[in-house]
Amino acid sequence: HDCANFAKRQLPKIQAKHVRAERIKKHKADLAAKAKANPGQGKPKGAHACAGPVRGRRSEVASGVQQAMRRDDKVDDTLSGTTVISASFHDGRLTIANIGDSRAVLGVHFEKESVLAKASGEEEKEEISENAAAIERERAELVSTIEGLDVEDGKLLALPLSQDQTPYRPDERERVKLCGARVMTVDQIEGLEPIHEDWGMRSGEDIDVLGDPPRIWRQEEDFPGTAFTRNLGVTAEPEMVSLDISKNCKMLILASDGVFEFLTNQQVVDICSGCSDPLEACRKVVHQAYKQWLHYEIRTDDITIIVMFLECNIDPEGGEYTSTVDLLSRATKQGQKPMKNKPLKYTSTVDLLSRATKQGQKPIKNKPLNNGEKSAGERSNSMYGKMNADAI
């Protein structure tokens, strides 16, 4: 986790540096404009203007972190890297920057009839009939998506603010192949399955139900085998989404792919919306994600989540639910149609012990500890305390 810890420490610092530079630049431009508009009044004074467009600096920030990581002798990124998902709030707007397969999900207040009415509203007539027909097809697809949403009125709807950068996406798959990569599953690499690109899952689906995703490999070699197509260390070009925060926006979730391996976006939002504070929400999601991993696998992936409860009194521009429809429309065009929730499954302690026994993982009896020697639990708690202290 050296690369991840490096990015966690350095990304805020490098971003702050770019934001300061943008503030100074805009402040000087404002002062020059004031001086031009009011000649002869001496040197104008004024407070710093707010930061310039955060979105325009995100690529520079990511590139700066990657370059700093490569210069640091303490971090070996030769065959390593880290995914990055970040959120920036500025002047009433939220900007998401994504590199890899972590996710940003927005929980918005949902009323199906109101959203349908907004999505079905009359648009301006296009002069070219072909464009009008395309718009009508997109609108019909959007309405179909809204009608199929598995969300009750008055609840929070999970809207994706990022798109997983994985080989499931045709655009990402072609991009890495042009760079010389091979795209195959582990079974295809090992010759257990013929070579094809029909892996049974569409780009944009919430969860991978098959368990053997396509991966990135070097030509004629069986590494690195990553299931994502971008990370900080190889391709640090983020994909960004920017939107105005309104009173319908109630929750923002940033989480790693281990959270969403067996939980849909909507299930994560449902868990969080039933909690009294963000810390409780994080704990419950981590608990559920961990239990799902143990049901389907004999291991767990990284399970990391940040939850923010949002409060805003601003009415959305263009009327209520406009931003909801816009985000749904964007997600639908990208193939990110929300999946229906599936019942969560659990494995009992007896089943876990049976699985471990079949694999030869039989528990051994405890041995008496030497004087002064700590137990495994005590060593674990001591390390956990050190990790918390380091994080703080």
Protein backbone atom coordinates (compact mmCIF):
# COMPACT_ATOMS: atom_id res chain seq x y z
CA HIS A 1 0.00 0.00 0.00
CA ASP A 2 2.99 2.31 -0.34
CA CYS A 3 1.62 3.95 -3.49
CA ALA A 4 -1.82 4.46 -1.94
CA ASN A 5 -0.40 5.99 1.23
CA PHE A 6 1.86 8.25 -0.83
CA ALA A 7 -1.09 9.48 -2.90
CA LYS A 8 -3.18 10.02 0.24
CA ARG A 9 -0.48 12.24 1.71
CA GLN A 10 0.62 14.11 -1.39
CA LEU A 11 -2.54 14.64 -3.46
CA PRO A 12 -4.11 17.22 -1.08
CA LYS A 13 -0.80 19.13 -0.86
CA ILE A 14 -0.29 19.23 -4.63
CA GLN A 15 -3.92 20.16 -5.21
CA ALA A 16 -3.68 23.00 -2.66
CA LYS A 17 -0.61 24.30 -4.50
CA HIS A 18 -2.49 24.39 -7.82
CA VAL A 19 -5.58 25.98 -6.23
CA ARG A 20 -3.42 28.74 -4.69
CA ALA A 21 -1.82 29.39 -8.08
CA GLU A 22 -5.26 29.62 -9.68
CA ARG A 23 -6.49 31.99 -6.96
CA ILE A 24 -3.53 34.32 -7.45
CA LYS A 25 -3.97 34.25 -11.22
CA LYS A 26 -7.66 35.08 -11.02
CA HIS A 27 -7.10 37.72 -8.33
CA LYS A 28 -4.56 39.54 -10.52
CA ALA A 29 -6.94 39.36 -13.48
CA ASP A 30 -9.77 40.84 -11.37
CA LEU A 31 -7.54 43.65 -10.10
CA ALA A 32 -6.43 44.44 -13.66
CA ALA A 33 -10.07 44.55 -14.78
CA LYS A 34 -10.97 46.90 -11.92
CA ALA A 35 -8.05 49.18 -12.73
CA LYS A 36 -9.09 49.31 -16.40
CA ALA A 37 -12.72 50.04 -15.51
CA ASN A 38 -11.79 52.74 -12.98
CA PRO A 39 -8.67 54.53 -14.24
CA GLY A 40 -7.10 57.20 -12.04
CA GLN A 41 -8.37 55.76 -8.75
CA GLY A 42 -5.03 54.33 -7.71
CA LYS A 43 -4.18 50.73 -7.14
CA PRO A 44 -7.41 48.78 -6.57
CA LYS A 45 -7.79 46.70 -3.45
CA GLY A 46 -9.82 43.62 -2.82
CA ALA A 47 -9.87 40.18 -1.27
CA HIS A 48 -8.64 37.17 -3.15
CA ALA A 49 -11.19 35.83 -5.56
CA CYS A 50 -12.38 32.31 -4.95
CA ALA A 51 -10.46 29.49 -6.55
CA GLY A 52 -10.70 29.13 -10.28
CA PRO A 53 -12.17 26.09 -11.99
CA VAL A 54 -11.02 23.07 -9.98
CA ARG A 55 -11.87 20.81 -12.89
CA GLY A 56 -9.24 22.32 -15.16
CA ARG A 57 -6.48 21.57 -12.63
CA ARG A 58 -7.30 17.95 -11.82
CA SER A 59 -5.20 16.45 -14.63
CA GLU A 60 -2.21 18.54 -13.54
CA VAL A 61 -2.72 17.45 -9.94
CA ALA A 62 -2.84 13.74 -10.82
CA SER A 63 0.18 14.06 -13.08
CA GLY A 64 2.05 15.93 -10.34
CA VAL A 65 1.36 13.18 -7.79
CA GLN A 66 2.51 10.50 -10.23
CA GLN A 67 5.74 12.33 -11.02
CA ALA A 68 6.45 12.90 -7.31
CA MET A 69 5.83 9.21 -6.60
CA ARG A 70 8.31 8.18 -9.30
CA ARG A 71 10.96 10.52 -7.86
CA ASP A 72 10.55 9.16 -4.34
CA ASP A 73 13.12 6.40 -3.69
CA LYS A 74 11.05 5.06 -0.79
CA VAL A 75 8.13 4.16 -3.06
CA ASP A 76 8.57 1.37 -5.62
CA ASP A 77 5.94 1.81 -8.31
CA THR A 78 7.66 -0.46 -10.86
CA LEU A 79 4.85 -3.02 -10.71
CA SER A 80 2.51 -1.13 -8.41
CA GLY A 81 0.20 1.86 -8.29
CA THR A 82 -3.08 2.97 -6.82
CA THR A 83 -6.55 3.91 -7.97
CA VAL A 84 -7.72 7.40 -6.98
CA ILE A 85 -11.18 8.85 -6.53
CA SER A 86 -11.47 12.39 -5.16
CA ALA A 87 -14.17 14.99 -4.54
CA SER A 88 -13.67 18.76 -4.53
CA PHE A 89 -16.29 21.27 -3.39
CA HIS A 90 -16.03 24.78 -4.78
CA ASP A 91 -18.53 27.63 -5.01
CA GLY A 92 -21.55 25.34 -4.73
CA ARG A 93 -20.20 22.79 -7.18
CA LEU A 94 -18.91 19.26 -6.71
CA THR A 95 -16.16 17.89 -8.95
CA ILE A 96 -15.31 14.19 -9.01
CA ALA A 97 -12.00 12.99 -10.46
CA ASN A 98 -11.59 9.26 -11.02
CA ILE A 99 -8.58 7.13 -11.95
CA GLY A 100 -9.28 3.39 -11.82
CA ASP A 101 -12.23 1.40 -10.50
CA SER A 102 -13.09 3.07 -7.20
CA ARG A 103 -16.47 4.81 -7.25
CA ALA A 104 -18.27 8.00 -6.35
CA VAL A 105 -22.02 7.65 -5.75
CA LEU A 106 -24.48 10.44 -5.01
CA GLY A 107 -27.63 9.78 -2.99
CA VAL A 108 -30.46 12.05 -4.15
CA HIS A 109 -34.05 12.43 -2.99
CA PHE A 110 -36.30 10.48 -5.37
CA GLU A 111 -39.93 10.83 -6.44
CA LYS A 112 -40.57 8.64 -9.47
CA GLU A 113 -43.55 10.52 -10.92
CA SER A 114 -41.80 13.89 -10.63
CA VAL A 115 -38.60 12.57 -12.19
CA LEU A 116 -40.57 10.87 -15.00
CA ALA A 117 -42.46 14.10 -15.68
CA LYS A 118 -39.19 16.03 -15.92
CA ALA A 119 -37.60 13.36 -18.16
CA SER A 120 -40.65 13.22 -20.46
CA GLY A 121 -40.93 17.00 -20.86
CA GLU A 122 -41.07 18.54 -24.31
CA GLU A 123 -37.69 19.53 -25.73
CA GLU A 124 -37.01 22.17 -28.33
CA LYS A 125 -37.74 20.88 -31.79
CA GLU A 126 -34.62 20.21 -33.82
CA GLU A 127 -34.41 21.53 -37.36
CA ILE A 128 -32.81 18.28 -38.55
CA SER A 129 -35.23 15.38 -38.22
CA GLU A 130 -32.43 12.86 -37.68
CA ASN A 131 -31.30 14.72 -34.57
CA ALA A 132 -34.87 14.93 -33.32
CA ALA A 133 -35.26 11.16 -33.76
CA ALA A 134 -32.03 10.49 -31.86
CA ILE A 135 -33.14 12.76 -29.01
CA GLU A 136 -36.47 10.95 -28.86
CA ARG A 137 -34.73 7.56 -28.69
CA GLU A 138 -32.49 8.75 -25.86
CA ARG A 139 -35.50 10.14 -24.01
CA ALA A 140 -37.40 6.86 -24.40
CA GLU A 141 -34.40 4.90 -23.07
CA LEU A 142 -34.10 7.29 -20.12
CA VAL A 143 -37.82 6.96 -19.29
CA SER A 144 -37.49 3.17 -19.46
CA THR A 145 -34.53 3.32 -17.06
CA ILE A 146 -36.47 5.50 -14.59
CA GLU A 147 -39.51 3.23 -14.72
CA GLY A 148 -37.33 0.24 -13.89
CA LEU A 149 -35.59 1.82 -10.89
CA ASP A 150 -35.77 -0.29 -7.75
CA VAL A 151 -36.31 2.65 -5.39
CA GLU A 152 -39.36 3.66 -3.36
CA ASP A 153 -40.70 7.21 -3.50
CA GLY A 154 -39.18 9.40 -0.82
CA LYS A 155 -36.04 7.26 -0.56
CA LEU A 156 -32.55 8.07 -1.82
CA LEU A 157 -31.63 7.10 -5.36
CA ALA A 158 -28.01 6.07 -6.03
CA LEU A 159 -26.58 8.04 -8.96
CA PRO A 160 -23.10 7.13 -10.26
CA LEU A 161 -20.67 10.04 -10.52
CA SER A 162 -17.87 7.89 -11.90
CA GLN A 163 -17.48 5.13 -14.44
CA ASP A 164 -15.24 2.15 -13.69
CA GLN A 165 -12.16 2.17 -15.89
CA THR A 166 -11.93 -1.55 -16.60
CA PRO A 167 -11.51 -3.80 -19.67
CA TYR A 168 -15.28 -4.28 -19.71
CA ARG A 169 -15.47 -0.83 -21.31
CA PRO A 170 -14.87 -1.08 -25.08
CA ASP A 171 -13.17 2.34 -25.20
CA GLU A 172 -10.74 1.48 -22.39
CA ARG A 173 -10.13 -1.99 -23.81
CA GLU A 174 -9.17 -0.59 -27.21
CA ARG A 175 -7.01 2.11 -25.64
CA VAL A 176 -4.82 -0.35 -23.72
CA LYS A 177 -4.62 -2.74 -26.69
CA LEU A 178 -3.27 0.12 -28.81
CA CYS A 179 -0.60 0.55 -26.13
CA GLY A 180 0.44 -3.08 -26.59
CA ALA A 181 -1.52 -4.82 -23.83
CA ARG A 182 -3.37 -8.12 -24.00
CA VAL A 183 -6.87 -8.33 -22.50
CA MET A 184 -7.88 -11.76 -21.20
CA THR A 185 -9.33 -13.46 -18.14
CA VAL A 186 -7.23 -15.75 -15.96
CA ASP A 187 -8.95 -18.81 -17.49
CA GLN A 188 -8.08 -17.54 -20.97
CA ILE A 189 -4.44 -16.97 -19.98
CA GLU A 190 -4.26 -20.52 -18.60
CA GLY A 191 -5.87 -22.01 -21.71
CA LEU A 192 -9.03 -23.14 -19.93
CA GLU A 193 -11.28 -20.92 -22.05
CA PRO A 194 -11.09 -19.88 -25.71
CA ILE A 195 -10.04 -16.34 -26.60
CA HIS A 196 -13.03 -14.01 -26.98
CA GLU A 197 -14.31 -10.68 -25.67
CA ASP A 198 -17.82 -11.72 -24.66
CA TRP A 199 -17.37 -11.93 -20.90
CA GLY A 200 -21.05 -11.92 -19.97
CA MET A 201 -21.13 -8.49 -18.36
CA ARG A 202 -21.84 -5.09 -19.83
CA SER A 203 -19.81 -2.01 -19.05
CA GLY A 204 -21.69 0.01 -16.45
CA GLU A 205 -23.30 -2.82 -14.52
CA ASP A 206 -22.94 -2.37 -10.78
CA ILE A 207 -21.37 -5.70 -9.85
CA ASP A 208 -19.41 -8.48 -11.52
CA VAL A 209 -21.38 -11.66 -10.86
CA LEU A 210 -18.96 -13.98 -12.67
CA GLY A 211 -15.77 -13.57 -10.66
CA ASP A 212 -13.24 -13.92 -13.52
CA PRO A 213 -13.02 -10.45 -15.06
CA PRO A 214 -10.90 -9.54 -18.09
CA ARG A 215 -7.46 -8.31 -17.06
CA ILE A 216 -4.53 -6.39 -18.52
CA TRP A 217 -1.41 -8.41 -19.40
CA ARG A 218 1.89 -7.67 -21.07
CA GLN A 219 2.47 -9.33 -24.43
CA GLU A 220 3.88 -12.86 -24.03
CA GLU A 221 3.99 -12.49 -20.22
CA ASP A 222 1.61 -13.35 -17.41
CA PHE A 223 1.71 -10.08 -15.48
CA PRO A 224 0.54 -7.59 -14.18
CA GLY A 225 -3.01 -8.97 -14.49
CA THR A 226 -4.85 -5.85 -13.27
CA ALA A 227 -8.63 -5.71 -13.57
CA PHE A 228 -8.54 -1.92 -14.10
CA THR A 229 -7.13 0.04 -17.03
CA ARG A 230 -5.90 3.20 -15.28
CA ASN A 231 -4.09 3.89 -12.05
CA LEU A 232 -1.75 6.38 -10.49
CA GLY A 233 1.57 4.94 -11.61
CA VAL A 234 0.72 4.12 -15.23
CA THR A 235 -2.06 6.29 -16.71
CA ALA A 236 -2.86 9.21 -14.42
CA GLU A 237 -5.44 10.90 -16.65
CA PRO A 238 -8.65 11.29 -14.60
CA GLU A 239 -12.21 11.25 -15.89
CA MET A 240 -14.19 14.08 -14.31
CA VAL A 241 -17.78 14.97 -13.53
CA SER A 242 -18.86 18.36 -12.20
CA LEU A 243 -22.33 19.33 -10.98
CA ASP A 244 -24.14 21.90 -8.87
CA ILE A 245 -25.12 20.74 -5.38
CA SER A 246 -28.81 21.28 -4.61
CA LYS A 247 -31.24 20.46 -1.82
CA ASN A 248 -32.02 17.08 -3.43
CA CYS A 249 -28.41 15.93 -2.88
CA LYS A 250 -28.33 14.17 0.49
CA MET A 251 -25.28 11.92 0.50
CA LEU A 252 -21.91 11.41 -1.21
CA ILE A 253 -20.06 8.10 -1.06
CA LEU A 254 -16.47 7.45 -2.17
CA ALA A 255 -15.39 3.82 -1.95
CA SER A 256 -12.93 1.28 -3.31
CA ASP A 257 -13.91 -1.60 -5.58
CA GLY A 258 -13.91 -4.06 -2.66
CA VAL A 259 -17.08 -2.38 -1.37
CA PHE A 260 -18.91 -2.79 -4.68
CA GLU A 261 -17.75 -6.30 -5.58
CA PHE A 262 -20.96 -7.83 -4.19
CA LEU A 263 -23.01 -4.77 -3.21
CA THR A 264 -24.80 -2.59 -5.77
CA ASN A 265 -24.61 1.19 -5.65
CA GLN A 266 -28.22 1.27 -4.48
CA GLN A 267 -27.63 -1.24 -1.68
CA VAL A 268 -24.75 0.87 -0.36
CA VAL A 269 -26.90 4.02 -0.41
CA ASP A 270 -29.77 2.13 1.29
CA ILE A 271 -27.45 0.98 4.08
CA CYS A 272 -26.08 4.50 4.60
CA SER A 273 -29.48 6.20 4.51
CA GLY A 274 -30.61 4.15 7.50
CA CYS A 275 -27.77 5.46 9.67
CA SER A 276 -27.71 8.43 12.02
CA ASP A 277 -24.20 9.62 11.14
CA PRO A 278 -21.47 8.97 8.52
CA LEU A 279 -19.29 6.89 10.87
CA GLU A 280 -22.13 4.47 11.55
CA ALA A 281 -22.78 4.30 7.81
CA CYS A 282 -19.13 3.47 7.07
CA ARG A 283 -19.05 0.73 9.68
CA LYS A 284 -22.26 -0.89 8.45
CA VAL A 285 -21.18 -0.87 4.79
CA VAL A 286 -17.76 -2.31 5.64
CA HIS A 287 -19.44 -5.01 7.75
CA GLN A 288 -21.85 -5.98 4.97
CA ALA A 289 -19.16 -5.92 2.27
CA TYR A 290 -16.91 -8.11 4.42
CA LYS A 291 -19.69 -10.65 5.03
CA GLN A 292 -20.48 -10.82 1.31
CA TRP A 293 -16.82 -11.46 0.49
CA LEU A 294 -16.70 -14.34 2.98
CA HIS A 295 -19.84 -15.83 1.46
CA TYR A 296 -18.58 -15.84 -2.13
CA GLU A 297 -14.80 -16.09 -1.65
CA ILE A 298 -12.11 -17.34 0.75
CA ARG A 299 -10.49 -13.90 0.79
CA THR A 300 -11.42 -10.22 0.87
CA ASP A 301 -10.31 -7.28 -1.25
CA ASP A 302 -9.60 -3.78 0.01
CA ILE A 303 -12.74 -2.37 1.62
CA THR A 304 -12.41 1.39 2.04
CA ILE A 305 -15.23 3.94 2.19
CA ILE A 306 -15.89 7.61 2.95
CA VAL A 307 -19.47 8.78 3.55
CA MET A 308 -20.57 12.41 3.63
CA PHE A 309 -24.06 13.57 4.61
CA LEU A 310 -24.89 16.72 2.63
CA GLU A 311 -27.06 19.67 3.63
CA CYS A 312 -27.95 22.30 1.05
CA ASN A 313 -30.87 24.73 0.80
CA ILE A 314 -30.33 25.74 -2.83
CA ASP A 315 -33.06 24.85 -5.32
CA PRO A 316 -31.65 23.12 -8.42
CA GLU A 317 -31.26 25.35 -11.45
CA GLY A 318 -33.95 24.56 -14.01
CA GLY A 319 -36.39 23.28 -11.42
CA GLU A 320 -36.62 20.39 -9.00
CA TYR A 321 -35.16 17.04 -10.14
CA THR A 322 -33.40 18.64 -13.13
CA SER A 323 -29.99 17.52 -11.89
CA THR A 324 -31.37 14.05 -11.12
CA VAL A 325 -32.61 13.65 -14.68
CA ASP A 326 -29.38 15.05 -16.12
CA LEU A 327 -27.27 12.59 -14.13
CA LEU A 328 -29.56 9.69 -14.98
CA SER A 329 -29.41 10.66 -18.65
CA ARG A 330 -25.62 10.78 -18.57
CA ALA A 331 -25.38 7.40 -16.81
CA THR A 332 -27.84 5.81 -19.25
CA LYS A 333 -25.87 7.01 -22.27
CA GLN A 334 -22.73 5.43 -20.77
CA GLY A 335 -24.52 2.15 -20.16
CA GLN A 336 -24.61 2.64 -16.39
CA LYS A 337 -28.11 1.36 -15.85
CA PRO A 338 -28.69 0.72 -12.12
CA MET A 339 -29.00 -2.97 -11.28
CA LYS A 340 -31.89 -4.21 -9.18
CA ASN A 341 -30.98 -5.09 -5.63
CA LYS A 342 -30.41 -8.76 -4.90
CA PRO A 343 -30.87 -10.34 -1.46
CA LEU A 344 -27.67 -10.30 0.57
CA LYS A 345 -26.27 -13.75 1.29
CA TYR A 346 -24.39 -14.95 4.33
CA THR A 347 -22.24 -17.93 5.21
CA SER A 348 -22.56 -19.47 8.67
CA THR A 349 -19.61 -20.20 10.94
CA VAL A 350 -20.15 -23.94 10.36
CA ASP A 351 -19.95 -23.46 6.57
CA LEU A 352 -16.78 -21.36 6.90
CA LEU A 353 -15.14 -24.03 9.07
CA SER A 354 -16.20 -26.73 6.62
CA ARG A 355 -14.73 -24.79 3.69
CA ALA A 356 -11.47 -24.23 5.57
CA THR A 357 -11.22 -27.91 6.52
CA LYS A 358 -11.69 -29.04 2.91
CA GLN A 359 -8.82 -26.75 1.93
CA GLY A 360 -6.58 -28.16 4.65
CA GLN A 361 -6.88 -25.05 6.82
CA LYS A 362 -7.48 -26.86 10.10
CA PRO A 363 -7.21 -24.66 13.22
CA ILE A 364 -4.28 -25.60 15.45
CA LYS A 365 -4.43 -25.68 19.23
CA ASN A 366 -3.12 -22.71 21.17
CA LYS A 367 0.28 -23.05 22.80
CA PRO A 368 1.20 -21.45 26.14
CA LEU A 369 2.80 -18.03 25.70
CA ASN A 370 6.24 -17.29 27.05
CA ASN A 371 6.51 -14.65 29.76
CA GLY A 372 6.11 -11.21 28.28
CA GLU A 373 5.02 -12.51 24.87
CA LYS A 374 1.92 -10.91 23.43
CA SER A 375 -0.94 -12.92 21.98
CA ALA A 376 -1.92 -12.55 18.33
CA GLY A 377 -4.94 -10.50 19.36
CA GLU A 378 -2.83 -8.18 21.51
CA ARG A 379 -0.29 -7.76 18.69
CA SER A 380 -3.14 -7.02 16.27
CA ASN A 381 -4.68 -4.43 18.62
CA SER A 382 -1.28 -2.83 19.15
CA MET A 383 -0.71 -2.56 15.40
CA TYR A 384 -4.26 -1.26 14.86
CA GLY A 385 -3.63 1.46 17.43
CA LYS A 386 -0.38 2.42 15.71
CA MET A 387 -2.11 2.56 12.33
CA ASN A 388 -4.83 4.81 13.75
CA ALA A 389 -2.23 7.07 15.32
CA ASP A 390 -0.34 7.30 12.01
CA ALA A 391 -3.55 8.10 10.13
CA ILE A 392 -4.52 10.84 12.58
